[in-house]
Amino acid sequence: MSANPLNDPKHWRKRADATRVKADLLADQAARQKLLRVADEYERLALRAEQWLTTQKSRPSELWLLSDTARDPG
């Protein structure tokens, strides 16, 4: 997976799961609902990370633009 946890769906799903566990421990229903909404947002971030990874895999590598041979025409 990507070295950047922001682009790793597993990272966000772990956070969502941990947040749900905390929510289940709360007696205050309002606080519990807020944590469950946070968990839902983490799930959305996981989906966006998956989409980002899919897009990156389908794009051709552009690293050659940064190489020395690309800068030196001669």
C-alpha atoms as a PDB file:
ATOM      1  CA  MET A   1       0.000   0.000   0.000  1.00  0.00           C
ATOM      2  CA  SER A   2       0.999   3.618  -0.240  1.00  0.00           C
ATOM      3  CA  ALA A   3       3.548   5.000   2.217  1.00  0.00           C
ATOM      4  CA  ASN A   4       1.210   7.914   2.912  1.00  0.00           C
ATOM      5  CA  PRO A   5      -1.536   6.814   5.339  1.00  0.00           C
ATOM      6  CA  LEU A   6      -3.881   9.453   3.913  1.00  0.00           C
ATOM      7  CA  ASN A   7      -4.009   7.445   0.689  1.00  0.00           C
ATOM      8  CA  ASP A   8      -4.456   4.106   2.448  1.00  0.00           C
ATOM      9  CA  PRO A   9      -8.063   2.886   2.733  1.00  0.00           C
ATOM     10  CA  LYS A  10      -7.054   0.464   5.499  1.00  0.00           C
ATOM     11  CA  HIS A  11      -5.891   3.406   7.619  1.00  0.00           C
ATOM     12  CA  TRP A  12      -9.312   5.065   7.419  1.00  0.00           C
ATOM     13  CA  ARG A  13     -11.223   1.836   7.998  1.00  0.00           C
ATOM     14  CA  LYS A  14      -9.178   1.114  11.128  1.00  0.00           C
ATOM     15  CA  ARG A  15     -10.024   4.580  12.410  1.00  0.00           C
ATOM     16  CA  ALA A  16     -13.706   4.030  11.606  1.00  0.00           C
ATOM     17  CA  ASP A  17     -13.711   0.708  13.447  1.00  0.00           C
ATOM     18  CA  ALA A  18     -11.926   2.166  16.483  1.00  0.00           C
ATOM     19  CA  THR A  19     -14.378   5.072  16.569  1.00  0.00           C
ATOM     20  CA  ARG A  20     -17.349   2.697  16.476  1.00  0.00           C
ATOM     21  CA  VAL A  21     -15.891   0.719  19.375  1.00  0.00           C
ATOM     22  CA  LYS A  22     -15.613   3.934  21.400  1.00  0.00           C
ATOM     23  CA  ALA A  23     -19.151   4.927  20.452  1.00  0.00           C
ATOM     24  CA  ASP A  24     -20.480   1.576  21.686  1.00  0.00           C
ATOM     25  CA  LEU A  25     -19.003   2.293  25.121  1.00  0.00           C
ATOM     26  CA  LEU A  26     -20.870   5.575  25.556  1.00  0.00           C
ATOM     27  CA  ALA A  27     -24.100   5.848  27.478  1.00  0.00           C
ATOM     28  CA  ASP A  28     -24.775   9.386  26.221  1.00  0.00           C
ATOM     29  CA  GLN A  29     -26.772   8.859  23.032  1.00  0.00           C
ATOM     30  CA  ALA A  30     -25.970  12.295  21.580  1.00  0.00           C
ATOM     31  CA  ALA A  31     -22.230  11.726  21.978  1.00  0.00           C
ATOM     32  CA  ARG A  32     -22.615   8.199  20.623  1.00  0.00           C
ATOM     33  CA  GLN A  33     -24.374   9.481  17.500  1.00  0.00           C
ATOM     34  CA  LYS A  34     -21.663  12.087  16.928  1.00  0.00           C
ATOM     35  CA  LEU A  35     -18.960   9.429  17.075  1.00  0.00           C
ATOM     36  CA  LEU A  36     -20.904   7.216  14.690  1.00  0.00           C
ATOM     37  CA  ARG A  37     -21.091  10.128  12.240  1.00  0.00           C
ATOM     38  CA  VAL A  38     -17.318  10.534  12.553  1.00  0.00           C
ATOM     39  CA  ALA A  39     -16.934   6.818  11.794  1.00  0.00           C
ATOM     40  CA  ASP A  40     -19.105   7.276   8.696  1.00  0.00           C
ATOM     41  CA  GLU A  41     -16.833  10.107   7.564  1.00  0.00           C
ATOM     42  CA  TYR A  42     -13.804   7.858   7.997  1.00  0.00           C
ATOM     43  CA  GLU A  43     -15.538   5.304   5.769  1.00  0.00           C
ATOM     44  CA  ARG A  44     -16.047   8.001   3.132  1.00  0.00           C
ATOM     45  CA  LEU A  45     -12.353   8.866   3.347  1.00  0.00           C
ATOM     46  CA  ALA A  46     -11.543   5.179   2.823  1.00  0.00           C
ATOM     47  CA  LEU A  47     -13.664   5.179  -0.332  1.00  0.00           C
ATOM     48  CA  ARG A  48     -11.940   8.309  -1.598  1.00  0.00           C
ATOM     49  CA  ALA A  49      -8.544   6.758  -0.895  1.00  0.00           C
ATOM     50  CA  GLU A  50      -9.585   3.682  -2.885  1.00  0.00           C
ATOM     51  CA  GLN A  51     -10.677   5.895  -5.759  1.00  0.00           C
ATOM     52  CA  TRP A  52      -7.396   7.790  -5.618  1.00  0.00           C
ATOM     53  CA  LEU A  53      -5.382   4.558  -5.687  1.00  0.00           C
ATOM     54  CA  THR A  54      -7.396   3.290  -8.653  1.00  0.00           C
ATOM     55  CA  THR A  55      -6.776   6.530 -10.536  1.00  0.00           C
ATOM     56  CA  GLN A  56      -3.057   6.419  -9.780  1.00  0.00           C
ATOM     57  CA  LYS A  57      -2.765   2.832 -11.004  1.00  0.00           C
ATOM     58  CA  SER A  58      -4.487   3.673 -14.286  1.00  0.00           C
ATOM     59  CA  ARG A  59      -2.337   6.759 -14.995  1.00  0.00           C
ATOM     60  CA  PRO A  60       0.953   6.296 -16.828  1.00  0.00           C
ATOM     61  CA  SER A  61       3.971   7.129 -14.745  1.00  0.00           C
ATOM     62  CA  GLU A  62       5.115  10.699 -15.184  1.00  0.00           C
ATOM     63  CA  LEU A  63       8.374  10.297 -13.283  1.00  0.00           C
ATOM     64  CA  TRP A  64      10.330  10.479 -16.529  1.00  0.00           C
ATOM     65  CA  LEU A  65       9.475  14.187 -16.624  1.00  0.00           C
ATOM     66  CA  LEU A  66      11.615  14.655 -13.533  1.00  0.00           C
ATOM     67  CA  SER A  67      14.565  12.635 -14.766  1.00  0.00           C
ATOM     68  CA  ASP A  68      17.834  14.194 -15.933  1.00  0.00           C
ATOM     69  CA  THR A  69      17.382  12.842 -19.451  1.00  0.00           C
ATOM     70  CA  ALA A  70      14.121  14.720 -19.840  1.00  0.00           C
ATOM     71  CA  ARG A  71      15.803  17.996 -18.895  1.00  0.00           C
ATOM     72  CA  ASP A  72      18.900  17.494 -21.032  1.00  0.00           C
ATOM     73  CA  PRO A  73      17.932  17.491 -24.727  1.00  0.00           C
ATOM     74  CA  GLY A  74      21.500  16.916 -25.915  1.00  0.00           C
END
